[in-house]
Amino acid sequence: MTEFDLIEVRLLRFPLGLWQQSQEHVDELLREFALIAQAEEEHASVPRRLLNLVAELTATYAGLSTPTEQVRDDAIARGDDEIDLVYRTPREAAGAVRHLGEMLDEADRYCRQGSHLLTLQTPPDQVAFRRWFLSEFLNQYEGAAPVPWPDAASPG
C-alpha cells in the first residue's frame, strides 16, 4: 500500500471520555463473547462472528491507526475533554467499516435478549457515538466534509 492509497478521515471534537466509556464497554463485551464462543458449537453465532471480524480487522489494518492512537492517548493523559483526530486509512476499508457497524448493532440485539450475559446492550450515548464515528469514515470516503461530534449528536 502506498501513501497515495490512503484517505484522510478527520474526526472533529472527538469526545475522549465517551470514547473511553465505549471502549470499556466493547472490551467487556468481547471478553464475554470469547467465553461464550468457546462453549458454543455453532460457528455462525453472534459472539463468534464478532470475534472473528475483530480479529480480521486487526490483522488487516494493524498499525494504520497507531499514530492517531498515540495522539488520542496523549490527550487523555493531559486530561483533555476532546481532540481533533486524523486517521489515514484505505478507502477500501468502507466495506469493513459497514460490516463492523452492522455486527455491533447485532451484538446489541443479542445483549437485549439477556441470555448468558453480564454485559448490557450499548447505552444510547455510546450507540450515537459509534454511529457518528463509523459514519464519518464512510461519509468522508465519499468526499463529504467532516461533521464535528456535538453537531452530529444534536437532534436537528
N, C-alpha and C. Protein backbone atom coordinates (compact mmCIF):
# COMPACT_ATOMS: atom_id res chain seq x y z
N MET A 1 0.85 -1.17 0.00
CA MET A 1 0.00 0.00 0.00
C MET A 1 0.90 1.24 0.00
N THR A 2 0.64 2.16 -0.91
CA THR A 2 1.44 3.37 -0.99
C THR A 2 0.76 4.51 -0.24
N GLU A 3 1.51 5.57 -0.07
CA GLU A 3 1.00 6.78 0.59
C GLU A 3 -0.27 7.28 -0.09
N PHE A 4 -0.36 7.10 -1.41
CA PHE A 4 -1.48 7.64 -2.18
C PHE A 4 -2.74 6.80 -2.07
N ASP A 5 -2.64 5.61 -1.52
CA ASP A 5 -3.80 4.75 -1.36
C ASP A 5 -4.63 5.10 -0.13
N LEU A 6 -4.13 6.00 0.70
CA LEU A 6 -4.79 6.30 1.96
C LEU A 6 -5.63 7.57 1.87
N ILE A 7 -6.77 7.54 2.54
CA ILE A 7 -7.69 8.68 2.62
C ILE A 7 -7.59 9.26 4.02
N GLU A 8 -7.57 10.57 4.12
CA GLU A 8 -7.54 11.23 5.42
C GLU A 8 -8.97 11.39 5.93
N VAL A 9 -9.24 10.85 7.12
CA VAL A 9 -10.54 10.98 7.77
C VAL A 9 -10.33 11.80 9.03
N ARG A 10 -11.07 12.92 9.13
CA ARG A 10 -10.92 13.82 10.27
C ARG A 10 -12.12 13.65 11.21
N LEU A 11 -11.82 13.38 12.46
CA LEU A 11 -12.86 13.26 13.49
C LEU A 11 -12.72 14.48 14.39
N LEU A 12 -13.63 15.43 14.18
CA LEU A 12 -13.54 16.71 14.86
C LEU A 12 -14.30 16.70 16.18
N ARG A 13 -13.67 17.28 17.20
CA ARG A 13 -14.22 17.36 18.55
C ARG A 13 -14.53 15.97 19.10
N PHE A 14 -13.62 15.05 18.81
CA PHE A 14 -13.71 13.66 19.26
C PHE A 14 -13.80 13.64 20.79
N PRO A 15 -14.90 13.10 21.36
CA PRO A 15 -15.11 13.13 22.81
C PRO A 15 -14.33 12.02 23.52
N LEU A 16 -13.27 12.38 24.19
CA LEU A 16 -12.35 11.40 24.78
C LEU A 16 -13.00 10.57 25.89
N GLY A 17 -13.78 11.20 26.76
CA GLY A 17 -14.43 10.46 27.84
C GLY A 17 -15.44 9.46 27.31
N LEU A 18 -16.23 9.87 26.34
CA LEU A 18 -17.22 8.97 25.75
C LEU A 18 -16.53 7.85 25.00
N TRP A 19 -15.43 8.16 24.34
CA TRP A 19 -14.67 7.10 23.66
C TRP A 19 -14.18 6.08 24.68
N GLN A 20 -13.65 6.55 25.82
CA GLN A 20 -13.15 5.63 26.84
C GLN A 20 -14.27 4.73 27.36
N GLN A 21 -15.44 5.31 27.61
CA GLN A 21 -16.58 4.53 28.08
C GLN A 21 -16.98 3.48 27.03
N SER A 22 -17.00 3.90 25.78
CA SER A 22 -17.36 2.99 24.68
C SER A 22 -16.35 1.86 24.56
N GLN A 23 -15.09 2.20 24.68
CA GLN A 23 -14.04 1.20 24.56
C GLN A 23 -14.12 0.18 25.70
N GLU A 24 -14.39 0.67 26.91
CA GLU A 24 -14.55 -0.24 28.05
C GLU A 24 -15.72 -1.18 27.84
N HIS A 25 -16.82 -0.66 27.31
CA HIS A 25 -18.00 -1.49 27.05
C HIS A 25 -17.68 -2.56 26.00
N VAL A 26 -17.04 -2.17 24.91
CA VAL A 26 -16.69 -3.13 23.87
C VAL A 26 -15.72 -4.18 24.41
N ASP A 27 -14.75 -3.75 25.19
CA ASP A 27 -13.80 -4.70 25.78
C ASP A 27 -14.52 -5.73 26.66
N GLU A 28 -15.46 -5.27 27.48
CA GLU A 28 -16.24 -6.18 28.33
C GLU A 28 -17.04 -7.16 27.47
N LEU A 29 -17.67 -6.63 26.44
CA LEU A 29 -18.47 -7.45 25.54
C LEU A 29 -17.60 -8.51 24.86
N LEU A 30 -16.45 -8.12 24.36
CA LEU A 30 -15.57 -9.07 23.67
C LEU A 30 -15.06 -10.15 24.62
N ARG A 31 -14.77 -9.79 25.86
CA ARG A 31 -14.34 -10.80 26.84
C ARG A 31 -15.45 -11.82 27.07
N GLU A 32 -16.67 -11.33 27.25
CA GLU A 32 -17.80 -12.25 27.46
C GLU A 32 -18.06 -13.08 26.21
N PHE A 33 -18.01 -12.45 25.05
CA PHE A 33 -18.25 -13.19 23.81
C PHE A 33 -17.19 -14.27 23.60
N ALA A 34 -15.95 -14.01 24.01
CA ALA A 34 -14.90 -15.01 23.88
C ALA A 34 -15.24 -16.24 24.72
N LEU A 35 -15.74 -16.03 25.92
CA LEU A 35 -16.14 -17.15 26.77
C LEU A 35 -17.32 -17.91 26.18
N ILE A 36 -18.29 -17.19 25.68
CA ILE A 36 -19.47 -17.82 25.08
C ILE A 36 -19.06 -18.61 23.84
N ALA A 37 -18.23 -18.01 23.00
CA ALA A 37 -17.82 -18.66 21.75
C ALA A 37 -17.07 -19.95 22.02
N GLN A 38 -16.29 -19.99 23.08
CA GLN A 38 -15.57 -21.22 23.44
C GLN A 38 -16.54 -22.34 23.77
N ALA A 39 -17.65 -22.00 24.40
CA ALA A 39 -18.60 -23.01 24.84
C ALA A 39 -19.58 -23.41 23.74
N GLU A 40 -19.71 -22.59 22.70
CA GLU A 40 -20.69 -22.85 21.66
C GLU A 40 -20.13 -23.76 20.57
N GLU A 41 -21.00 -24.56 20.06
CA GLU A 41 -20.65 -25.43 18.93
C GLU A 41 -20.89 -24.69 17.61
N GLU A 42 -21.85 -23.80 17.61
CA GLU A 42 -22.30 -23.14 16.38
C GLU A 42 -21.27 -22.12 15.91
N HIS A 43 -20.81 -22.27 14.66
CA HIS A 43 -19.79 -21.37 14.11
C HIS A 43 -20.37 -20.06 13.60
N ALA A 44 -21.69 -20.00 13.46
CA ALA A 44 -22.32 -18.78 12.95
C ALA A 44 -22.92 -17.93 14.06
N SER A 45 -22.58 -18.19 15.31
CA SER A 45 -23.16 -17.44 16.41
C SER A 45 -22.69 -15.99 16.38
N VAL A 46 -23.49 -15.12 16.97
CA VAL A 46 -23.14 -13.69 17.05
C VAL A 46 -21.79 -13.50 17.74
N PRO A 47 -21.58 -14.10 18.92
CA PRO A 47 -20.28 -13.90 19.57
C PRO A 47 -19.10 -14.33 18.70
N ARG A 48 -19.19 -15.48 18.08
CA ARG A 48 -18.09 -15.99 17.27
C ARG A 48 -17.84 -15.10 16.04
N ARG A 49 -18.94 -14.68 15.40
CA ARG A 49 -18.78 -13.83 14.21
C ARG A 49 -18.17 -12.48 14.55
N LEU A 50 -18.57 -11.88 15.69
CA LEU A 50 -17.98 -10.60 16.09
C LEU A 50 -16.50 -10.77 16.41
N LEU A 51 -16.17 -11.81 17.14
CA LEU A 51 -14.75 -12.05 17.48
C LEU A 51 -13.92 -12.28 16.22
N ASN A 52 -14.45 -13.04 15.27
CA ASN A 52 -13.74 -13.28 14.01
C ASN A 52 -13.55 -11.99 13.22
N LEU A 53 -14.58 -11.15 13.20
CA LEU A 53 -14.48 -9.87 12.49
C LEU A 53 -13.42 -8.97 13.13
N VAL A 54 -13.44 -8.88 14.44
CA VAL A 54 -12.45 -8.05 15.14
C VAL A 54 -11.04 -8.56 14.85
N ALA A 55 -10.85 -9.87 14.88
CA ALA A 55 -9.53 -10.46 14.59
C ALA A 55 -9.10 -10.15 13.15
N GLU A 56 -10.05 -10.26 12.22
CA GLU A 56 -9.74 -9.98 10.81
C GLU A 56 -9.38 -8.51 10.60
N LEU A 57 -10.15 -7.61 11.20
CA LEU A 57 -9.86 -6.17 11.05
C LEU A 57 -8.53 -5.81 11.68
N THR A 58 -8.24 -6.40 12.82
CA THR A 58 -6.97 -6.13 13.49
C THR A 58 -5.81 -6.60 12.62
N ALA A 59 -5.93 -7.79 12.05
CA ALA A 59 -4.86 -8.32 11.20
C ALA A 59 -4.69 -7.50 9.92
N THR A 60 -5.80 -7.08 9.34
CA THR A 60 -5.75 -6.36 8.06
C THR A 60 -5.26 -4.93 8.21
N TYR A 61 -5.71 -4.24 9.26
CA TYR A 61 -5.44 -2.81 9.39
C TYR A 61 -4.50 -2.47 10.54
N ALA A 62 -3.84 -3.47 11.09
CA ALA A 62 -2.92 -3.23 12.21
C ALA A 62 -1.86 -2.20 11.83
N GLY A 63 -1.63 -1.28 12.71
CA GLY A 63 -0.59 -0.28 12.51
C GLY A 63 -1.04 0.99 11.82
N LEU A 64 -2.15 0.95 11.08
CA LEU A 64 -2.59 2.16 10.38
C LEU A 64 -3.00 3.27 11.34
N SER A 65 -3.59 2.90 12.46
CA SER A 65 -4.09 3.93 13.37
C SER A 65 -3.14 4.21 14.54
N THR A 66 -1.99 3.58 14.56
CA THR A 66 -1.07 3.75 15.69
C THR A 66 -0.71 5.22 15.94
N PRO A 67 -0.33 6.02 14.94
CA PRO A 67 -0.01 7.43 15.23
C PRO A 67 -1.21 8.19 15.81
N THR A 68 -2.40 7.93 15.30
CA THR A 68 -3.61 8.60 15.79
C THR A 68 -3.92 8.16 17.22
N GLU A 69 -3.74 6.88 17.49
CA GLU A 69 -3.99 6.38 18.84
C GLU A 69 -3.04 7.03 19.85
N GLN A 70 -1.81 7.28 19.44
CA GLN A 70 -0.84 7.93 20.34
C GLN A 70 -1.27 9.37 20.64
N VAL A 71 -1.73 10.09 19.62
CA VAL A 71 -2.22 11.46 19.82
C VAL A 71 -3.41 11.44 20.77
N ARG A 72 -4.33 10.50 20.56
CA ARG A 72 -5.51 10.36 21.42
C ARG A 72 -5.09 10.05 22.86
N ASP A 73 -4.20 9.08 23.03
CA ASP A 73 -3.76 8.68 24.37
C ASP A 73 -3.03 9.82 25.09
N ASP A 74 -2.25 10.60 24.35
CA ASP A 74 -1.57 11.75 24.94
C ASP A 74 -2.59 12.78 25.42
N ALA A 75 -3.64 13.01 24.64
CA ALA A 75 -4.69 13.96 25.03
C ALA A 75 -5.41 13.48 26.30
N ILE A 76 -5.66 12.19 26.39
CA ILE A 76 -6.30 11.63 27.58
C ILE A 76 -5.39 11.83 28.79
N ALA A 77 -4.10 11.56 28.61
CA ALA A 77 -3.13 11.72 29.71
C ALA A 77 -3.07 13.17 30.19
N ARG A 78 -3.26 14.13 29.27
CA ARG A 78 -3.25 15.56 29.65
C ARG A 78 -4.55 15.95 30.34
N GLY A 79 -5.58 15.13 30.21
CA GLY A 79 -6.88 15.44 30.80
C GLY A 79 -7.79 16.22 29.86
N ASP A 80 -7.48 16.22 28.55
CA ASP A 80 -8.33 16.91 27.58
C ASP A 80 -9.71 16.25 27.52
N ASP A 81 -10.74 17.03 27.20
CA ASP A 81 -12.09 16.50 27.04
C ASP A 81 -12.35 16.03 25.62
N GLU A 82 -11.73 16.73 24.67
CA GLU A 82 -11.93 16.40 23.25
C GLU A 82 -10.69 16.75 22.47
N ILE A 83 -10.64 16.21 21.25
CA ILE A 83 -9.49 16.45 20.38
C ILE A 83 -9.93 16.23 18.94
N ASP A 84 -9.26 16.89 18.01
CA ASP A 84 -9.45 16.59 16.60
C ASP A 84 -8.46 15.50 16.23
N LEU A 85 -8.96 14.42 15.63
CA LEU A 85 -8.10 13.31 15.23
C LEU A 85 -8.10 13.16 13.73
N VAL A 86 -6.99 12.66 13.20
CA VAL A 86 -6.88 12.37 11.77
C VAL A 86 -6.43 10.93 11.61
N TYR A 87 -7.24 10.17 10.90
CA TYR A 87 -6.89 8.80 10.53
C TYR A 87 -6.55 8.77 9.05
N ARG A 88 -5.59 7.96 8.69
CA ARG A 88 -5.25 7.74 7.29
C ARG A 88 -5.50 6.27 7.00
N THR A 89 -6.58 6.00 6.26
CA THR A 89 -7.00 4.63 6.00
C THR A 89 -7.32 4.44 4.53
N PRO A 90 -7.29 3.20 4.07
CA PRO A 90 -7.65 2.96 2.67
C PRO A 90 -9.16 3.09 2.46
N ARG A 91 -9.54 3.67 1.36
CA ARG A 91 -10.95 3.80 1.01
C ARG A 91 -11.61 2.42 0.94
N GLU A 92 -10.82 1.40 0.62
CA GLU A 92 -11.33 0.04 0.52
C GLU A 92 -11.83 -0.50 1.86
N ALA A 93 -11.52 0.20 2.94
CA ALA A 93 -11.98 -0.23 4.27
C ALA A 93 -13.46 0.06 4.48
N ALA A 94 -14.10 0.73 3.55
CA ALA A 94 -15.52 1.09 3.71
C ALA A 94 -16.39 -0.13 3.98
N GLY A 95 -16.17 -1.21 3.28
CA GLY A 95 -16.96 -2.43 3.50
C GLY A 95 -16.76 -2.97 4.91
N ALA A 96 -15.53 -2.94 5.39
CA ALA A 96 -15.24 -3.42 6.74
C ALA A 96 -15.88 -2.50 7.79
N VAL A 97 -15.88 -1.20 7.54
CA VAL A 97 -16.50 -0.25 8.47
C VAL A 97 -18.00 -0.52 8.55
N ARG A 98 -18.64 -0.71 7.39
CA ARG A 98 -20.08 -1.02 7.37
C ARG A 98 -20.36 -2.32 8.13
N HIS A 99 -19.56 -3.34 7.83
CA HIS A 99 -19.75 -4.65 8.45
C HIS A 99 -19.59 -4.55 9.97
N LEU A 100 -18.59 -3.82 10.43
CA LEU A 100 -18.39 -3.65 11.87
C LEU A 100 -19.61 -2.99 12.51
N GLY A 101 -20.12 -1.93 11.91
CA GLY A 101 -21.32 -1.27 12.44
C GLY A 101 -22.51 -2.21 12.52
N GLU A 102 -22.72 -2.98 11.46
CA GLU A 102 -23.82 -3.95 11.44
C GLU A 102 -23.63 -5.01 12.52
N MET A 103 -22.40 -5.49 12.67
CA MET A 103 -22.12 -6.55 13.64
C MET A 103 -22.30 -6.03 15.06
N LEU A 104 -21.89 -4.79 15.34
CA LEU A 104 -22.07 -4.22 16.68
C LEU A 104 -23.55 -4.00 16.98
N ASP A 105 -24.34 -3.60 15.95
CA ASP A 105 -25.79 -3.49 16.15
C ASP A 105 -26.39 -4.86 16.45
N GLU A 106 -25.92 -5.89 15.75
CA GLU A 106 -26.40 -7.24 16.00
C GLU A 106 -26.01 -7.71 17.41
N ALA A 107 -24.81 -7.34 17.84
CA ALA A 107 -24.37 -7.70 19.20
C ALA A 107 -25.27 -7.03 20.24
N ASP A 108 -25.70 -5.80 19.97
CA ASP A 108 -26.62 -5.13 20.90
C ASP A 108 -27.95 -5.88 20.97
N ARG A 109 -28.45 -6.33 19.82
CA ARG A 109 -29.70 -7.10 19.83
C ARG A 109 -29.50 -8.40 20.63
N TYR A 110 -28.36 -9.02 20.47
CA TYR A 110 -28.03 -10.24 21.21
C TYR A 110 -28.02 -9.95 22.71
N CYS A 111 -27.43 -8.82 23.11
CA CYS A 111 -27.37 -8.45 24.52
C CYS A 111 -28.76 -8.18 25.09
N ARG A 112 -29.65 -7.60 24.27
CA ARG A 112 -31.02 -7.33 24.73
C ARG A 112 -31.76 -8.62 25.08
N GLN A 113 -31.41 -9.71 24.42
CA GLN A 113 -32.05 -11.00 24.71
C GLN A 113 -31.73 -11.44 26.13
N GLY A 114 -30.56 -11.02 26.63
CA GLY A 114 -30.22 -11.23 28.02
C GLY A 114 -29.76 -12.62 28.42
N SER A 115 -29.65 -13.53 27.49
CA SER A 115 -29.25 -14.88 27.90
C SER A 115 -27.74 -14.98 28.00
N HIS A 116 -27.27 -15.44 29.14
CA HIS A 116 -25.86 -15.76 29.38
C HIS A 116 -24.94 -14.55 29.45
N LEU A 117 -25.44 -13.34 29.56
CA LEU A 117 -24.56 -12.17 29.52
C LEU A 117 -24.66 -11.32 30.78
N LEU A 118 -23.52 -10.81 31.18
CA LEU A 118 -23.48 -9.79 32.22
C LEU A 118 -23.45 -8.40 31.58
N THR A 119 -22.83 -8.30 30.43
CA THR A 119 -22.71 -7.03 29.72
C THR A 119 -24.07 -6.66 29.11
N LEU A 120 -24.51 -5.45 29.37
CA LEU A 120 -25.78 -4.97 28.83
C LEU A 120 -25.57 -4.43 27.43
N GLN A 121 -26.67 -4.20 26.73
CA GLN A 121 -26.57 -3.57 25.41
C GLN A 121 -25.90 -2.21 25.57
N THR A 122 -25.36 -1.71 24.49
CA THR A 122 -24.65 -0.44 24.49
C THR A 122 -25.59 0.70 24.89
N PRO A 123 -25.18 1.56 25.84
CA PRO A 123 -26.01 2.71 26.22
C PRO A 123 -26.24 3.65 25.02
N PRO A 124 -27.37 4.37 25.01
CA PRO A 124 -27.71 5.22 23.86
C PRO A 124 -26.63 6.23 23.47
N ASP A 125 -25.97 6.87 24.45
CA ASP A 125 -24.96 7.86 24.09
C ASP A 125 -23.78 7.20 23.38
N GLN A 126 -23.46 5.98 23.77
CA GLN A 126 -22.37 5.25 23.13
C GLN A 126 -22.77 4.74 21.74
N VAL A 127 -24.05 4.39 21.57
CA VAL A 127 -24.54 4.00 20.24
C VAL A 127 -24.44 5.20 19.30
N ALA A 128 -24.87 6.37 19.78
CA ALA A 128 -24.79 7.59 18.95
C ALA A 128 -23.35 7.89 18.59
N PHE A 129 -22.45 7.76 19.55
CA PHE A 129 -21.03 7.98 19.28
C PHE A 129 -20.52 6.98 18.25
N ARG A 130 -20.82 5.71 18.42
CA ARG A 130 -20.36 4.67 17.49
C ARG A 130 -20.86 4.95 16.07
N ARG A 131 -22.12 5.32 15.96
CA ARG A 131 -22.69 5.58 14.62
C ARG A 131 -22.03 6.81 13.99
N TRP A 132 -21.79 7.84 14.81
CA TRP A 132 -21.08 9.03 14.29
C TRP A 132 -19.68 8.64 13.83
N PHE A 133 -18.95 7.94 14.68
CA PHE A 133 -17.57 7.54 14.39
C PHE A 133 -17.50 6.77 13.07
N LEU A 134 -18.30 5.74 12.92
CA LEU A 134 -18.26 4.91 11.72
C LEU A 134 -18.77 5.68 10.49
N SER A 135 -19.83 6.49 10.67
CA SER A 135 -20.36 7.23 9.53
C SER A 135 -19.39 8.30 9.04
N GLU A 136 -18.58 8.84 9.93
CA GLU A 136 -17.58 9.82 9.49
C GLU A 136 -16.60 9.18 8.51
N PHE A 137 -16.18 7.95 8.78
CA PHE A 137 -15.31 7.25 7.84
C PHE A 137 -16.03 7.07 6.51
N LEU A 138 -17.23 6.51 6.54
CA LEU A 138 -17.96 6.23 5.30
C LEU A 138 -18.25 7.50 4.52
N ASN A 139 -18.71 8.54 5.21
CA ASN A 139 -19.04 9.78 4.52
C ASN A 139 -17.81 10.45 3.93
N GLN A 140 -16.72 10.46 4.68
CA GLN A 140 -15.51 11.11 4.19
C GLN A 140 -14.84 10.29 3.08
N TYR A 141 -15.00 8.98 3.08
CA TYR A 141 -14.50 8.18 1.96
C TYR A 141 -15.19 8.61 0.67
N GLU A 142 -16.44 9.07 0.80
CA GLU A 142 -17.21 9.51 -0.36
C GLU A 142 -17.00 11.00 -0.68
N GLY A 143 -16.15 11.67 0.09
CA GLY A 143 -15.83 13.07 -0.20
C GLY A 143 -16.56 14.10 0.64
N ALA A 144 -17.38 13.67 1.59
CA ALA A 144 -18.11 14.62 2.43
C ALA A 144 -17.16 15.31 3.41
N ALA A 145 -17.56 16.50 3.82
CA ALA A 145 -16.79 17.23 4.83
C ALA A 145 -17.03 16.61 6.20
N PRO A 146 -16.05 16.70 7.10
CA PRO A 146 -16.24 16.16 8.45
C PRO A 146 -17.33 16.90 9.21
N VAL A 147 -18.06 16.17 10.05
CA VAL A 147 -19.09 16.75 10.92
C VAL A 147 -18.61 16.55 12.36
N PRO A 148 -18.40 17.64 13.09
CA PRO A 148 -17.93 17.51 14.48
C PRO A 148 -18.92 16.74 15.35
N TRP A 149 -18.42 16.08 16.37
CA TRP A 149 -19.25 15.26 17.24
C TRP A 149 -20.46 16.00 17.82
N PRO A 150 -20.33 17.14 18.45
CA PRO A 150 -21.54 17.71 19.05
C PRO A 150 -22.63 18.00 18.03
N ASP A 151 -22.21 18.40 16.82
CA ASP A 151 -23.20 18.67 15.77
C ASP A 151 -23.91 17.39 15.34
N ALA A 152 -23.17 16.29 15.29
CA ALA A 152 -23.74 15.02 14.89
C ALA A 152 -24.67 14.48 15.97
N ALA A 153 -24.36 14.78 17.24
CA ALA A 153 -25.14 14.25 18.36
C ALA A 153 -26.39 15.06 18.63
N SER A 154 -26.46 16.29 18.11
CA SER A 154 -27.59 17.15 18.35
C SER A 154 -28.73 16.80 17.39
N PRO A 155 -29.94 16.60 17.91
CA PRO A 155 -31.06 16.31 17.01
C PRO A 155 -31.52 17.59 16.31
N GLY A 156 -31.30 17.65 15.03
CA GLY A 156 -31.77 18.74 14.22
C GLY A 156 -31.05 19.99 14.44
